[in-house]
Amino acid sequence: MDELRARIAQALRRERERCGFSAAELARRAGVSKATVSQLENAATTPNVETLWALGDALGVPFAELVAEPVSGPTLLRVTELRGVPAAAAAYSATLLSTAPPNSRRDIYLLQAEPGGTRDSRPHLSGTTEHVVLISGRADVGPRDAPVTMNPGDYLTYAGDAPHVFTALEPGTMAVLISELR
């Protein structure tokens, strides 16, 4: 959670300064206290979903801009390791998996696979990134030379413009695939 607080603090300060707002002005526009803005910018507290949405709206940026982690290469998120941002008054949390860059194109697929063969994909168009969330079963997924074994709930992203594979390891393997072209 310390890493998330630090990321939010840095993004919040960056976006506030980009807009030319004081902490007091941002607080007023977002409907939160100045102390809340100060605590968030100093990574002293963990915000709830509602506060982040209000701050994002006041800054003119999506929620994702305040919590997104920079990505550089294959990224695996294990469902057992995910830490979402909790809501204030409900048993709910939001875990950002991937943001959509401006002018991008995304196709979403449901994959169903059985053991016994590997789906060996040739490189797609330059700039393609693939995102996979495994729903059921187990599978080896990702770059041809370094696939990752995924379990239900795991998320993996990798370059789709390089050779990649999907190999079901258990019957009834299903996944959601999002192919993104930038």
Protein backbone atom coordinates (compact mmCIF):
# COMPACT_ATOMS: atom_id res chain seq x y z
CA MET A 1 0.00 0.00 0.00
CA ASP A 2 2.98 2.34 0.58
CA GLU A 3 3.88 2.02 -3.11
CA LEU A 4 0.32 2.93 -4.15
CA ARG A 5 0.25 5.93 -1.78
CA ALA A 6 3.59 7.16 -3.17
CA ARG A 7 2.36 6.77 -6.76
CA ILE A 8 -0.87 8.65 -5.97
CA ALA A 9 1.08 11.39 -4.16
CA GLN A 10 3.40 11.95 -7.12
CA ALA A 11 0.60 11.89 -9.70
CA LEU A 12 -1.65 14.19 -7.67
CA ARG A 13 1.08 16.81 -7.19
CA ARG A 14 2.13 16.58 -10.86
CA GLU A 15 -1.44 17.05 -12.12
CA ARG A 16 -2.24 19.80 -9.61
CA GLU A 17 0.87 21.75 -10.65
CA ARG A 18 0.09 21.13 -14.35
CA CYS A 19 -3.30 22.78 -13.78
CA GLY A 20 -1.74 25.64 -11.81
CA PHE A 21 -3.94 24.95 -8.77
CA SER A 22 -2.97 25.51 -5.16
CA ALA A 23 -3.82 22.69 -2.77
CA ALA A 24 -6.68 24.84 -1.46
CA GLU A 25 -8.09 25.43 -4.96
CA LEU A 26 -7.94 21.73 -5.82
CA ALA A 27 -9.66 20.88 -2.54
CA ARG A 28 -12.42 23.40 -3.25
CA ARG A 29 -12.99 22.11 -6.78
CA ALA A 30 -13.01 18.47 -5.63
CA GLY A 31 -15.17 19.06 -2.56
CA VAL A 32 -12.58 17.67 -0.15
CA SER A 33 -10.60 19.32 2.62
CA LYS A 34 -7.26 21.01 2.02
CA ALA A 35 -5.84 18.70 4.71
CA THR A 36 -6.92 15.69 2.62
CA VAL A 37 -5.10 17.02 -0.45
CA SER A 38 -2.00 17.74 1.66
CA GLN A 39 -2.05 14.29 3.27
CA LEU A 40 -2.45 12.60 -0.11
CA GLU A 41 0.37 14.60 -1.69
CA ASN A 42 2.61 13.63 1.23
CA ALA A 43 1.61 9.95 0.98
CA ALA A 44 0.38 10.14 4.59
CA THR A 45 -2.99 8.51 3.97
CA THR A 46 -4.67 6.08 1.60
CA PRO A 47 -7.57 7.65 -0.30
CA ASN A 48 -10.87 5.98 -1.05
CA VAL A 49 -12.28 5.55 -4.54
CA GLU A 50 -14.73 8.45 -4.16
CA THR A 51 -11.97 10.91 -3.19
CA LEU A 52 -9.77 9.86 -6.12
CA TRP A 53 -12.68 10.21 -8.57
CA ALA A 54 -13.45 13.71 -7.21
CA LEU A 55 -9.82 14.78 -7.46
CA GLY A 56 -9.48 13.34 -10.97
CA ASP A 57 -12.63 15.16 -12.08
CA ALA A 58 -11.38 18.44 -10.59
CA LEU A 59 -8.05 17.99 -12.40
CA GLY A 60 -9.64 16.91 -15.67
CA VAL A 61 -7.88 13.53 -15.67
CA PRO A 62 -9.27 9.99 -15.43
CA PHE A 63 -9.04 8.06 -12.16
CA ALA A 64 -6.44 5.85 -13.83
CA GLU A 65 -4.04 8.78 -14.23
CA LEU A 66 -3.75 9.03 -10.44
CA VAL A 67 -3.09 5.34 -9.75
CA ALA A 68 -1.47 3.92 -12.91
CA GLU A 69 1.92 2.28 -12.69
CA PRO A 70 4.38 2.90 -15.52
CA VAL A 71 4.82 -0.27 -17.58
CA SER A 72 8.01 -1.29 -19.35
CA GLY A 73 7.91 -4.86 -20.57
CA PRO A 74 5.85 -7.90 -19.67
CA THR A 75 3.82 -7.28 -16.51
CA LEU A 76 2.14 -10.02 -14.49
CA LEU A 77 -0.40 -9.19 -11.79
CA ARG A 78 -1.29 -12.14 -9.58
CA VAL A 79 -4.85 -11.99 -8.24
CA THR A 80 -3.53 -12.95 -4.81
CA GLU A 81 -1.22 -9.91 -4.81
CA LEU A 82 -3.62 -7.24 -6.10
CA ARG A 83 -4.32 -4.31 -3.79
CA GLY A 84 -7.21 -2.18 -4.91
CA VAL A 85 -8.38 1.21 -3.77
CA PRO A 86 -11.29 0.66 -1.38
CA ALA A 87 -14.61 2.49 -1.48
CA ALA A 88 -15.69 4.51 1.55
CA ALA A 89 -19.04 2.88 2.28
CA ALA A 90 -19.15 -0.50 0.54
CA ALA A 91 -17.30 -3.80 0.30
CA TYR A 92 -15.82 -2.76 -3.03
CA SER A 93 -12.41 -1.92 -4.41
CA ALA A 94 -11.13 -0.79 -7.78
CA THR A 95 -7.95 -2.33 -9.14
CA LEU A 96 -6.59 -0.69 -12.25
CA LEU A 97 -5.17 -3.26 -14.65
CA SER A 98 -4.54 -1.13 -17.73
CA THR A 99 -5.30 2.36 -18.97
CA ALA A 100 -6.33 3.13 -22.54
CA PRO A 101 -3.96 5.60 -24.17
CA PRO A 102 -5.44 8.34 -26.37
CA ASN A 103 -6.26 7.28 -29.94
CA SER A 104 -5.86 3.59 -29.20
CA ARG A 105 -7.81 0.66 -30.59
CA ARG A 106 -8.82 -2.30 -28.50
CA ASP A 107 -10.38 -5.62 -29.43
CA ILE A 108 -11.65 -7.91 -26.66
CA TYR A 109 -11.87 -11.70 -27.06
CA LEU A 110 -13.01 -14.62 -24.96
CA LEU A 111 -10.53 -17.46 -25.41
CA GLN A 112 -11.49 -21.08 -24.80
CA ALA A 113 -8.72 -23.67 -24.95
CA GLU A 114 -8.04 -27.27 -24.07
CA PRO A 115 -4.72 -29.00 -23.38
CA GLY A 116 -2.93 -30.69 -26.24
CA GLY A 117 -1.62 -27.88 -28.39
CA THR A 118 -0.08 -24.44 -28.34
CA ARG A 119 -1.57 -21.42 -30.07
CA ASP A 120 1.61 -19.97 -31.54
CA SER A 121 0.86 -16.43 -32.75
CA ARG A 122 2.96 -14.53 -35.22
CA PRO A 123 3.64 -10.86 -34.46
CA HIS A 124 0.67 -8.55 -34.97
CA LEU A 125 0.89 -4.97 -36.24
CA SER A 126 3.68 -2.85 -34.77
CA GLY A 127 2.52 -1.20 -31.56
CA THR A 128 0.18 -4.02 -30.53
CA THR A 129 -0.01 -4.94 -26.84
CA GLU A 130 -1.99 -7.88 -25.53
CA HIS A 131 -3.66 -8.12 -22.13
CA VAL A 132 -4.85 -11.48 -20.75
CA VAL A 133 -6.95 -12.24 -17.67
CA LEU A 134 -7.25 -15.96 -17.02
CA ILE A 135 -10.77 -16.92 -15.97
CA SER A 136 -10.48 -20.68 -15.48
CA GLY A 137 -7.97 -23.50 -15.85
CA ARG A 138 -4.23 -22.85 -16.15
CA ALA A 139 -2.19 -21.73 -19.13
CA ASP A 140 1.28 -20.77 -20.28
CA VAL A 141 0.90 -17.35 -21.91
CA GLY A 142 3.06 -14.55 -23.27
CA PRO A 143 6.26 -14.07 -25.23
CA ARG A 144 7.26 -17.22 -27.13
CA ASP A 145 10.67 -17.30 -25.45
CA ALA A 146 9.39 -16.56 -21.92
CA PRO A 147 5.76 -17.60 -21.35
CA VAL A 148 4.30 -17.29 -17.85
CA THR A 149 2.11 -19.87 -16.12
CA MET A 150 -1.18 -18.18 -15.26
CA ASN A 151 -3.84 -19.19 -12.74
CA PRO A 152 -7.46 -17.98 -12.56
CA GLY A 153 -7.59 -14.25 -11.84
CA ASP A 154 -4.02 -13.52 -12.97
CA TYR A 155 -3.41 -10.65 -15.42
CA LEU A 156 -0.54 -10.52 -17.92
CA THR A 157 0.40 -7.93 -20.51
CA TYR A 158 3.05 -8.36 -23.21
CA ALA A 159 4.08 -7.12 -26.65
CA GLY A 160 1.69 -8.52 -29.26
CA ASP A 161 3.98 -7.35 -32.05
CA ALA A 162 6.43 -10.13 -31.15
CA PRO A 163 5.87 -13.90 -31.35
CA HIS A 164 3.68 -15.12 -28.47
CA VAL A 165 1.89 -18.25 -27.26
CA PHE A 166 -1.15 -19.52 -25.40
CA THR A 167 -1.00 -23.13 -24.12
CA ALA A 168 -3.87 -24.56 -22.06
CA LEU A 169 -2.60 -26.74 -19.21
CA GLU A 170 -6.01 -27.83 -17.88
CA PRO A 171 -9.36 -28.70 -19.47
CA GLY A 172 -11.86 -25.84 -19.64
CA THR A 173 -9.25 -23.08 -19.76
CA MET A 174 -10.81 -19.69 -20.51
CA ALA A 175 -9.36 -16.19 -20.69
CA VAL A 176 -10.25 -12.67 -21.70
CA LEU A 177 -7.81 -11.23 -24.22
CA ILE A 178 -7.65 -7.55 -25.06
CA SER A 179 -5.57 -6.65 -28.09
CA GLU A 180 -4.60 -2.99 -28.12
CA LEU A 181 -3.08 -1.09 -31.03
CA ARG A 182 -1.47 2.25 -30.33
